[in-house]
C-alpha atoms as a PDB file:
ATOM      1  CA  UNK A   1     101.457  90.432  64.070  1.00  0.00           C
ATOM      2  CA  UNK A   2     102.060  93.147  66.667  1.00  0.00           C
ATOM      3  CA  UNK A   3     100.333  96.421  65.989  1.00  0.00           C
ATOM      4  CA  UNK A   4     102.299  98.602  68.390  1.00  0.00           C
ATOM      5  CA  UNK A   5     104.044 100.497  65.569  1.00  0.00           C
ATOM      6  CA  UNK A   6     102.802 104.011  64.750  1.00  0.00           C
ATOM      7  CA  UNK A   7     100.494 104.267  67.729  1.00  0.00           C
ATOM      8  CA  UNK A   8      99.671 107.276  69.813  1.00  0.00           C
ATOM      9  CA  UNK A   9     100.517 107.345  73.503  1.00  0.00           C
ATOM     10  CA  UNK A  10      97.151 107.825  75.205  1.00  0.00           C
ATOM     11  CA  UNK A  11      97.663 108.971  78.788  1.00  0.00           C
ATOM     12  CA  UNK A  12      95.354 107.712  81.500  1.00  0.00           C
ATOM     13  CA  UNK A  13      94.113 111.118  82.572  1.00  0.00           C
ATOM     14  CA  UNK A  14      95.560 113.259  79.770  1.00  0.00           C
ATOM     15  CA  UNK A  15      98.086 114.614  82.278  1.00  0.00           C
ATOM     16  CA  UNK A  16     100.590 115.231  79.511  1.00  0.00           C
ATOM     17  CA  UNK A  17      98.397 117.815  77.774  1.00  0.00           C
ATOM     18  CA  UNK A  18      99.338 121.430  78.238  1.00  0.00           C
ATOM     19  CA  UNK A  19      96.972 123.907  79.884  1.00  0.00           C
ATOM     20  CA  UNK A  20      95.991 125.622  76.648  1.00  0.00           C
ATOM     21  CA  UNK A  21      94.613 122.409  75.163  1.00  0.00           C
ATOM     22  CA  UNK A  22      92.654 121.498  78.285  1.00  0.00           C
ATOM     23  CA  UNK A  23      89.999 124.139  77.753  1.00  0.00           C
ATOM     24  CA  UNK A  24      89.384 122.875  74.221  1.00  0.00           C
ATOM     25  CA  UNK A  25      89.414 119.221  75.223  1.00  0.00           C
ATOM     26  CA  UNK A  26      87.273 119.424  78.355  1.00  0.00           C
ATOM     27  CA  UNK A  27      83.920 118.902  76.651  1.00  0.00           C
ATOM     28  CA  UNK A  28      82.402 115.470  76.171  1.00  0.00           C
ATOM     29  CA  UNK A  29      82.347 114.573  72.489  1.00  0.00           C
ATOM     30  CA  UNK A  30      80.489 111.252  72.858  1.00  0.00           C
ATOM     31  CA  UNK A  31      77.835 111.750  75.566  1.00  0.00           C
ATOM     32  CA  UNK A  32      75.912 108.548  74.767  1.00  0.00           C
ATOM     33  CA  UNK A  33      79.060 106.420  74.946  1.00  0.00           C
ATOM     34  CA  UNK A  34      80.080 108.159  78.184  1.00  0.00           C
ATOM     35  CA  UNK A  35      76.645 107.494  79.662  1.00  0.00           C
ATOM     36  CA  UNK A  36      76.626 103.796  78.792  1.00  0.00           C
ATOM     37  CA  UNK A  37      80.236 103.389  79.896  1.00  0.00           C
ATOM     38  CA  UNK A  38      79.082 104.178  83.431  1.00  0.00           C
ATOM     39  CA  UNK A  39      75.434 103.055  83.250  1.00  0.00           C
ATOM     40  CA  UNK A  40      75.947  99.286  83.028  1.00  0.00           C
ATOM     41  CA  UNK A  41      78.793  99.309  85.569  1.00  0.00           C
ATOM     42  CA  UNK A  42      76.992 101.374  88.158  1.00  0.00           C
ATOM     43  CA  UNK A  43      73.673  99.588  87.547  1.00  0.00           C
ATOM     44  CA  UNK A  44      75.252  96.196  88.256  1.00  0.00           C
ATOM     45  CA  UNK A  45      76.709  97.505  91.520  1.00  0.00           C
ATOM     46  CA  UNK A  46      73.422  99.138  92.569  1.00  0.00           C
ATOM     47  CA  UNK A  47      71.434  95.978  91.761  1.00  0.00           C
ATOM     48  CA  UNK A  48      73.912  93.916  93.776  1.00  0.00           C
ATOM     49  CA  UNK A  49      73.594  96.236  96.768  1.00  0.00           C
ATOM     50  CA  UNK A  50      69.796  96.557  96.680  1.00  0.00           C
ATOM     51  CA  UNK A  51      68.814  93.120  95.413  1.00  0.00           C
ATOM     52  CA  UNK A  52      68.136  91.480  98.769  1.00  0.00           C
ATOM     53  CA  UNK A  53      66.054  94.474  99.840  1.00  0.00           C
ATOM     54  CA  UNK A  54      63.869  94.491  96.735  1.00  0.00           C
ATOM     55  CA  UNK A  55      63.288  90.790  96.090  1.00  0.00           C
ATOM     56  CA  UNK A  56      63.893  87.415  97.670  1.00  0.00           C
ATOM     57  CA  UNK A  57      64.637  85.701  94.345  1.00  0.00           C
ATOM     58  CA  UNK A  58      68.366  85.051  94.114  1.00  0.00           C
ATOM     59  CA  UNK A  59      68.062  83.773  90.538  1.00  0.00           C
ATOM     60  CA  UNK A  60      66.396  86.964  89.294  1.00  0.00           C
ATOM     61  CA  UNK A  61      69.083  89.065  90.964  1.00  0.00           C
ATOM     62  CA  UNK A  62      71.894  86.910  89.635  1.00  0.00           C
ATOM     63  CA  UNK A  63      70.574  86.946  86.067  1.00  0.00           C
ATOM     64  CA  UNK A  64      70.051  90.721  86.170  1.00  0.00           C
ATOM     65  CA  UNK A  65      73.548  91.374  87.491  1.00  0.00           C
ATOM     66  CA  UNK A  66      75.188  88.989  85.006  1.00  0.00           C
ATOM     67  CA  UNK A  67      73.273  90.580  82.106  1.00  0.00           C
ATOM     68  CA  UNK A  68      74.333  94.061  83.208  1.00  0.00           C
ATOM     69  CA  UNK A  69      77.951  92.934  83.577  1.00  0.00           C
ATOM     70  CA  UNK A  70      77.861  91.276  80.143  1.00  0.00           C
ATOM     71  CA  UNK A  71      76.377  94.389  78.527  1.00  0.00           C
ATOM     72  CA  UNK A  72      79.076  96.435  80.250  1.00  0.00           C
ATOM     73  CA  UNK A  73      81.856  94.136  79.026  1.00  0.00           C
ATOM     74  CA  UNK A  74      80.603  94.312  75.444  1.00  0.00           C
ATOM     75  CA  UNK A  75      79.972  98.073  75.481  1.00  0.00           C
ATOM     76  CA  UNK A  76      83.350  98.933  76.998  1.00  0.00           C
ATOM     77  CA  UNK A  77      85.358  96.529  74.858  1.00  0.00           C
ATOM     78  CA  UNK A  78      83.651  97.244  71.529  1.00  0.00           C
ATOM     79  CA  UNK A  79      82.342 100.811  71.731  1.00  0.00           C
ATOM     80  CA  UNK A  80      83.401 103.109  74.555  1.00  0.00           C
ATOM     81  CA  UNK A  81      87.098 102.213  74.542  1.00  0.00           C
ATOM     82  CA  UNK A  82      87.359 103.092  70.867  1.00  0.00           C
ATOM     83  CA  UNK A  83      85.311 106.270  71.038  1.00  0.00           C
ATOM     84  CA  UNK A  84      86.402 107.716  74.377  1.00  0.00           C
ATOM     85  CA  UNK A  85      90.160 107.005  74.442  1.00  0.00           C
ATOM     86  CA  UNK A  86      91.014 105.436  71.092  1.00  0.00           C
ATOM     87  CA  UNK A  87      92.047 102.041  72.469  1.00  0.00           C
ATOM     88  CA  UNK A  88      90.944  98.560  71.465  1.00  0.00           C
ATOM     89  CA  UNK A  89      91.944  94.976  72.082  1.00  0.00           C
ATOM     90  CA  UNK A  90      90.865  91.610  70.746  1.00  0.00           C
ATOM     91  CA  UNK A  91      91.918  88.035  70.194  1.00  0.00           C
ATOM     92  CA  UNK A  92      92.861  86.867  66.718  1.00  0.00           C
ATOM     93  CA  UNK A  93      93.335  83.268  65.622  1.00  0.00           C
ATOM     94  CA  UNK A  94      95.745  82.762  62.708  1.00  0.00           C
ATOM     95  CA  UNK A  95      95.602  80.064  60.025  1.00  0.00           C
ATOM     96  CA  UNK A  96      97.722  77.696  62.153  1.00  0.00           C
ATOM     97  CA  UNK A  97      95.165  77.851  64.970  1.00  0.00           C
ATOM     98  CA  UNK A  98      97.351  79.901  67.296  1.00  0.00           C
ATOM     99  CA  UNK A  99      95.709  82.619  69.319  1.00  0.00           C
ATOM    100  CA  UNK A 100      97.198  86.115  69.324  1.00  0.00           C
ATOM    101  CA  UNK A 101      96.104  89.003  71.530  1.00  0.00           C
ATOM    102  CA  UNK A 102      96.172  92.368  69.791  1.00  0.00           C
ATOM    103  CA  UNK A 103      96.320  95.630  71.766  1.00  0.00           C
ATOM    104  CA  UNK A 104      96.018  98.856  69.783  1.00  0.00           C
ATOM    105  CA  UNK A 105      95.965 102.594  70.366  1.00  0.00           C
ATOM    106  CA  UNK A 106      94.585 105.151  67.914  1.00  0.00           C
ATOM    107  CA  UNK A 107      97.125 106.331  65.370  1.00  0.00           C
ATOM    108  CA  UNK A 108      98.116 109.966  65.348  1.00  0.00           C
ATOM    109  CA  UNK A 109      95.918 111.963  62.985  1.00  0.00           C
ATOM    110  CA  UNK A 110      97.258 114.129  60.171  1.00  0.00           C
ATOM    111  CA  UNK A 111      97.089 117.256  62.346  1.00  0.00           C
ATOM    112  CA  UNK A 112      98.867 115.436  65.192  1.00  0.00           C
ATOM    113  CA  UNK A 113      96.031 116.032  67.629  1.00  0.00           C
ATOM    114  CA  UNK A 114      93.964 113.648  69.692  1.00  0.00           C
ATOM    115  CA  UNK A 115      90.286 113.181  69.029  1.00  0.00           C
ATOM    116  CA  UNK A 116      89.413 112.198  72.607  1.00  0.00           C
ATOM    117  CA  UNK A 117      88.708 114.810  75.232  1.00  0.00           C
ATOM    118  CA  UNK A 118      90.131 115.095  78.723  1.00  0.00           C
ATOM    119  CA  UNK A 119      86.678 114.730  80.278  1.00  0.00           C
ATOM    120  CA  UNK A 120      85.974 111.529  78.349  1.00  0.00           C
ATOM    121  CA  UNK A 121      89.376 110.136  79.237  1.00  0.00           C
ATOM    122  CA  UNK A 122      88.761 110.789  82.930  1.00  0.00           C
ATOM    123  CA  UNK A 123      85.304 109.243  82.813  1.00  0.00           C
ATOM    124  CA  UNK A 124      86.651 106.202  80.985  1.00  0.00           C
ATOM    125  CA  UNK A 125      89.625 105.512  83.265  1.00  0.00           C
ATOM    126  CA  UNK A 126      87.875 106.322  86.546  1.00  0.00           C
ATOM    127  CA  UNK A 127      85.001 104.004  85.638  1.00  0.00           C
ATOM    128  CA  UNK A 128      87.350 101.339  84.358  1.00  0.00           C
ATOM    129  CA  UNK A 129      89.534 101.354  87.482  1.00  0.00           C
ATOM    130  CA  UNK A 130      87.031 102.097  90.255  1.00  0.00           C
ATOM    131  CA  UNK A 131      84.351  99.516  89.500  1.00  0.00           C
ATOM    132  CA  UNK A 132      86.609  96.415  89.502  1.00  0.00           C
ATOM    133  CA  UNK A 133      88.009  97.606  92.827  1.00  0.00           C
ATOM    134  CA  UNK A 134      84.461  97.768  94.201  1.00  0.00           C
ATOM    135  CA  UNK A 135      83.801  94.213  92.958  1.00  0.00           C
ATOM    136  CA  UNK A 136      86.978  93.022  94.713  1.00  0.00           C
ATOM    137  CA  UNK A 137      85.696  94.581  97.945  1.00  0.00           C
ATOM    138  CA  UNK A 138      82.371  92.795  97.383  1.00  0.00           C
ATOM    139  CA  UNK A 139      84.283  89.533  96.876  1.00  0.00           C
ATOM    140  CA  UNK A 140      86.041  89.830 100.219  1.00  0.00           C
ATOM    141  CA  UNK A 141      82.771  90.841 101.857  1.00  0.00           C
ATOM    142  CA  UNK A 142      80.920  87.828 100.440  1.00  0.00           C
ATOM    143  CA  UNK A 143      83.779  85.517 101.371  1.00  0.00           C
ATOM    144  CA  UNK A 144      84.110  86.691 104.970  1.00  0.00           C
ATOM    145  CA  UNK A 145      80.342  86.850 105.555  1.00  0.00           C
ATOM    146  CA  UNK A 146      79.966  83.289 104.161  1.00  0.00           C
ATOM    147  CA  UNK A 147      77.545  84.322 101.379  1.00  0.00           C
ATOM    148  CA  UNK A 148      78.764  81.602  99.046  1.00  0.00           C
ATOM    149  CA  UNK A 149      75.903  81.948  96.577  1.00  0.00           C
ATOM    150  CA  UNK A 150      76.750  85.628  96.057  1.00  0.00           C
ATOM    151  CA  UNK A 151      80.436  84.836  95.671  1.00  0.00           C
ATOM    152  CA  UNK A 152      79.827  83.373  92.200  1.00  0.00           C
ATOM    153  CA  UNK A 153      78.103  86.589  91.086  1.00  0.00           C
ATOM    154  CA  UNK A 154      80.853  88.760  92.525  1.00  0.00           C
ATOM    155  CA  UNK A 155      83.559  86.658  90.884  1.00  0.00           C
ATOM    156  CA  UNK A 156      81.826  87.243  87.534  1.00  0.00           C
ATOM    157  CA  UNK A 157      81.963  90.975  88.231  1.00  0.00           C
ATOM    158  CA  UNK A 158      85.659  90.815  89.045  1.00  0.00           C
ATOM    159  CA  UNK A 159      86.471  88.676  86.005  1.00  0.00           C
ATOM    160  CA  UNK A 160      84.489  90.635  83.406  1.00  0.00           C
ATOM    161  CA  UNK A 161      85.485  94.087  84.578  1.00  0.00           C
ATOM    162  CA  UNK A 162      89.021  92.986  85.402  1.00  0.00           C
ATOM    163  CA  UNK A 163      89.463  91.601  81.872  1.00  0.00           C
ATOM    164  CA  UNK A 164      88.539  94.954  80.356  1.00  0.00           C
ATOM    165  CA  UNK A 165      90.836  96.766  82.775  1.00  0.00           C
ATOM    166  CA  UNK A 166      93.739  94.454  81.928  1.00  0.00           C
ATOM    167  CA  UNK A 167      93.105  94.741  78.181  1.00  0.00           C
ATOM    168  CA  UNK A 168      93.005  98.526  78.204  1.00  0.00           C
ATOM    169  CA  UNK A 169      96.059  98.836  80.426  1.00  0.00           C
ATOM    170  CA  UNK A 170      97.913  96.626  77.937  1.00  0.00           C
ATOM    171  CA  UNK A 171      96.688  98.912  75.139  1.00  0.00           C
ATOM    172  CA  UNK A 172      97.835 101.960  77.055  1.00  0.00           C
ATOM    173  CA  UNK A 173     101.336 100.784  77.936  1.00  0.00           C
ATOM    174  CA  UNK A 174     101.920  98.784  74.756  1.00  0.00           C
ATOM    175  CA  UNK A 175     101.756  95.068  74.231  1.00  0.00           C
ATOM    176  CA  UNK A 176     105.530  94.521  74.286  1.00  0.00           C
ATOM    177  CA  UNK A 177     106.259  96.306  77.531  1.00  0.00           C
ATOM    178  CA  UNK A 178     106.247  94.446  80.803  1.00  0.00           C
ATOM    179  CA  UNK A 179     103.569  95.862  83.134  1.00  0.00           C
ATOM    180  CA  UNK A 180     105.784  95.427  86.190  1.00  0.00           C
ATOM    181  CA  UNK A 181     108.638  97.399  84.662  1.00  0.00           C
ATOM    182  CA  UNK A 182     106.170 100.060  83.521  1.00  0.00           C
ATOM    183  CA  UNK A 183     104.833 100.474  87.070  1.00  0.00           C
ATOM    184  CA  UNK A 184     108.362 100.581  88.483  1.00  0.00           C
ATOM    185  CA  UNK A 185     109.412 103.247  85.980  1.00  0.00           C
ATOM    186  CA  UNK A 186     106.317 105.337  86.733  1.00  0.00           C
ATOM    187  CA  UNK A 187     106.870 105.179  90.496  1.00  0.00           C
ATOM    188  CA  UNK A 188     110.546 106.013  90.011  1.00  0.00           C
ATOM    189  CA  UNK A 189     109.660 109.101  87.967  1.00  0.00           C
ATOM    190  CA  UNK A 190     107.158 110.219  90.610  1.00  0.00           C
ATOM    191  CA  UNK A 191     109.767 109.775  93.345  1.00  0.00           C
ATOM    192  CA  UNK A 192     112.362 111.791  91.412  1.00  0.00           C
ATOM    193  CA  UNK A 193     109.879 114.608  90.795  1.00  0.00           C
ATOM    194  CA  UNK A 194     109.458 115.083  94.510  1.00  0.00           C
END
Protein backbone atom coordinates (compact mmCIF):
# COMPACT_ATOMS: atom_id res chain seq x y z
CA UNK A 1 0.00 0.00 0.00
CA UNK A 2 1.40 3.41 -0.96
CA UNK A 3 1.17 6.04 1.72
CA UNK A 4 1.78 9.10 -0.44
CA UNK A 5 -1.81 10.34 -0.07
CA UNK A 6 -2.44 13.24 2.34
CA UNK A 7 1.21 13.98 2.96
CA UNK A 8 2.86 17.30 3.52
CA UNK A 9 5.50 18.56 1.11
CA UNK A 10 8.59 18.98 3.28
CA UNK A 11 11.13 21.18 1.50
CA UNK A 12 14.82 20.41 1.83
CA UNK A 13 15.78 23.75 3.32
CA UNK A 14 12.32 25.19 4.00
CA UNK A 15 12.87 27.58 1.09
CA UNK A 16 9.15 27.75 0.45
CA UNK A 17 8.39 29.36 3.82
CA UNK A 18 7.68 33.05 3.82
CA UNK A 19 9.86 35.51 5.73
CA UNK A 20 7.37 36.04 8.54
CA UNK A 21 7.39 32.37 9.49
CA UNK A 22 11.18 32.10 9.43
CA UNK A 23 11.67 34.04 12.65
CA UNK A 24 9.25 31.73 14.45
CA UNK A 25 10.69 28.57 12.94
CA UNK A 26 14.39 29.34 13.34
CA UNK A 27 14.80 27.84 16.81
CA UNK A 28 15.77 24.22 17.35
CA UNK A 29 12.87 22.30 18.86
CA UNK A 30 14.71 18.99 19.32
CA UNK A 31 18.28 19.83 20.43
CA UNK A 32 19.15 16.28 21.53
CA UNK A 33 18.03 14.80 18.21
CA UNK A 34 19.91 17.53 16.33
CA UNK A 35 23.05 16.80 18.34
CA UNK A 36 22.96 13.05 17.73
CA UNK A 37 22.08 13.54 14.07
CA UNK A 38 25.50 15.13 13.61
CA UNK A 39 27.44 13.45 16.45
CA UNK A 40 27.63 9.91 15.07
CA UNK A 41 28.27 11.10 11.51
CA UNK A 42 31.02 13.52 12.39
CA UNK A 43 32.54 11.14 14.96
CA UNK A 44 32.89 8.38 12.36
CA UNK A 45 34.64 10.79 9.98
CA UNK A 46 36.95 12.13 12.71
CA UNK A 47 37.85 8.60 13.88
CA UNK A 48 38.59 7.61 10.28
CA UNK A 49 40.87 10.62 9.80
CA UNK A 50 42.72 10.31 13.13
CA UNK A 51 42.75 6.55 13.58
CA UNK A 52 46.19 5.86 12.13
CA UNK A 53 47.66 8.68 14.22
CA UNK A 54 46.20 7.47 17.50
CA UNK A 55 46.59 3.69 17.26
CA UNK A 56 48.17 1.05 15.08
CA UNK A 57 45.30 -1.41 15.52
CA UNK A 58 43.27 -1.52 12.32
CA UNK A 59 40.66 -3.81 13.88
CA UNK A 60 39.94 -1.40 16.75
CA UNK A 61 39.58 1.48 14.30
CA UNK A 62 37.37 -0.51 11.96
CA UNK A 63 35.07 -1.71 14.74
CA UNK A 64 34.78 1.81 16.18
CA UNK A 65 33.96 3.35 12.81
CA UNK A 66 31.43 0.63 11.92
CA UNK A 67 29.73 1.00 15.32
CA UNK A 68 29.51 4.77 14.89
CA UNK A 69 28.13 4.37 11.37
CA UNK A 70 25.58 1.80 12.58
CA UNK A 71 24.47 4.05 15.44
CA UNK A 72 24.16 6.89 12.94
CA UNK A 73 22.08 4.79 10.54
CA UNK A 74 19.70 3.74 13.31
CA UNK A 75 19.42 7.21 14.87
CA UNK A 76 18.79 8.97 11.56
CA UNK A 77 16.36 6.39 10.20
CA UNK A 78 14.34 5.85 13.38
CA UNK A 79 14.59 9.08 15.38
CA UNK A 80 16.01 12.23 13.82
CA UNK A 81 14.23 11.94 10.47
CA UNK A 82 10.86 11.76 12.21
CA UNK A 83 11.53 14.49 14.73
CA UNK A 84 13.51 16.99 12.66
CA UNK A 85 11.73 16.92 9.28
CA UNK A 86 8.75 14.60 9.68
CA UNK A 87 9.95 11.94 7.23
CA UNK A 88 10.27 8.20 7.65
CA UNK A 89 10.88 5.14 5.53
CA UNK A 90 10.90 1.41 6.12
CA UNK A 91 10.50 -1.97 4.50
CA UNK A 92 7.29 -3.93 5.00
CA UNK A 93 6.74 -7.57 4.11
CA UNK A 94 3.14 -8.52 3.30
CA UNK A 95 1.43 -11.87 3.91
CA UNK A 96 2.51 -13.16 0.48
CA UNK A 97 6.17 -12.60 1.36
CA UNK A 98 6.63 -9.66 -0.98
CA UNK A 99 8.71 -6.76 0.21
CA UNK A 100 7.35 -3.22 -0.07
CA UNK A 101 9.27 -0.02 0.63
CA UNK A 102 7.21 2.66 2.32
CA UNK A 103 8.23 6.34 2.18
CA UNK A 104 6.17 8.77 4.26
CA UNK A 105 6.05 12.46 5.07
CA UNK A 106 4.28 13.96 8.08
CA UNK A 107 0.63 14.74 7.46
CA UNK A 108 -0.52 18.32 7.65
CA UNK A 109 -1.70 19.19 11.16
CA UNK A 110 -5.12 20.63 11.94
CA UNK A 111 -3.74 24.19 11.94
CA UNK A 112 -1.97 23.56 8.62
CA UNK A 113 1.44 24.39 10.03
CA UNK A 114 4.65 22.41 10.14
CA UNK A 115 6.08 21.21 13.41
CA UNK A 116 9.70 21.18 12.21
CA UNK A 117 11.82 24.30 12.30
CA UNK A 118 13.95 25.79 9.56
CA UNK A 119 17.11 25.36 11.64
CA UNK A 120 16.41 21.67 12.24
CA UNK A 121 15.62 21.13 8.58
CA UNK A 122 18.92 22.72 7.56
CA UNK A 123 20.88 20.70 10.09
CA UNK A 124 19.17 17.50 8.96
CA UNK A 125 19.65 17.96 5.21
CA UNK A 126 23.17 19.40 5.37
CA UNK A 127 24.30 16.51 7.57
CA UNK A 128 22.46 13.98 5.45
CA UNK A 129 23.93 15.23 2.16
CA UNK A 130 27.43 16.35 3.18
CA UNK A 131 28.63 13.28 5.06
CA UNK A 132 27.99 10.70 2.30
CA UNK A 133 29.84 13.00 -0.09
CA UNK A 134 32.81 13.00 2.30
CA UNK A 135 32.72 9.18 2.44
CA UNK A 136 32.74 9.05 -1.38
CA UNK A 137 35.84 11.26 -1.37
CA UNK A 138 37.40 8.89 1.19
CA UNK A 139 36.54 5.96 -1.09
CA UNK A 140 38.37 7.47 -4.04
CA UNK A 141 41.27 8.40 -1.78
CA UNK A 142 41.56 4.86 -0.40
CA UNK A 143 41.25 3.38 -3.88
CA UNK A 144 43.89 5.58 -5.51
CA UNK A 145 46.31 5.32 -2.57
CA UNK A 146 45.95 1.49 -2.60
CA UNK A 147 44.70 1.29 1.02
CA UNK A 148 42.58 -1.76 0.33
CA UNK A 149 41.94 -2.58 3.97
CA UNK A 150 40.44 0.87 4.53
CA UNK A 151 38.33 0.58 1.39
CA UNK A 152 36.00 -1.90 3.11
CA UNK A 153 35.41 0.56 5.97
CA UNK A 154 34.82 3.45 3.60
CA UNK A 155 32.39 1.40 1.50
CA UNK A 156 30.39 0.73 4.68
CA UNK A 157 30.27 4.47 5.28
CA UNK A 158 29.05 5.13 1.75
CA UNK A 159 26.45 2.35 1.89
CA UNK A 160 24.97 3.15 5.31
CA UNK A 161 24.85 6.91 4.89
CA UNK A 162 23.89 6.65 1.23
CA UNK A 163 20.94 4.39 2.12
CA UNK A 164 19.58 6.98 4.53
CA UNK A 165 20.10 9.74 1.98
CA UNK A 166 18.27 7.76 -0.71
CA UNK A 167 15.42 6.85 1.65
CA UNK A 168 14.85 10.42 2.78
CA UNK A 169 15.06 11.82 -0.74
CA UNK A 170 12.39 9.30 -1.75
CA UNK A 171 10.30 10.47 1.22
CA UNK A 172 10.79 14.08 0.21
CA UNK A 173 9.90 13.76 -3.47
CA UNK A 174 7.28 11.04 -3.04
CA UNK A 175 7.56 7.35 -3.69
CA UNK A 176 5.73 7.43 -7.04
CA UNK A 177 7.77 10.17 -8.66
CA UNK A 178 10.83 9.35 -10.69
CA UNK A 179 13.93 10.95 -9.13
CA UNK A 180 15.41 11.76 -12.54
CA UNK A 181 12.31 13.62 -13.68
CA UNK A 182 12.19 15.43 -10.33
CA UNK A 183 15.78 16.64 -10.74
CA UNK A 184 15.11 17.69 -14.34
CA UNK A 185 12.01 19.65 -13.31
CA UNK A 186 13.90 21.36 -10.48
CA UNK A 187 16.79 22.38 -12.74
CA UNK A 188 14.33 23.60 -15.37
CA UNK A 189 12.55 25.79 -12.81
CA UNK A 190 15.87 27.22 -11.63
CA UNK A 191 16.88 27.99 -15.22
CA UNK A 192 13.57 29.74 -15.94
CA UNK A 193 13.86 31.84 -12.78
CA UNK A 194 17.11 33.30 -14.02
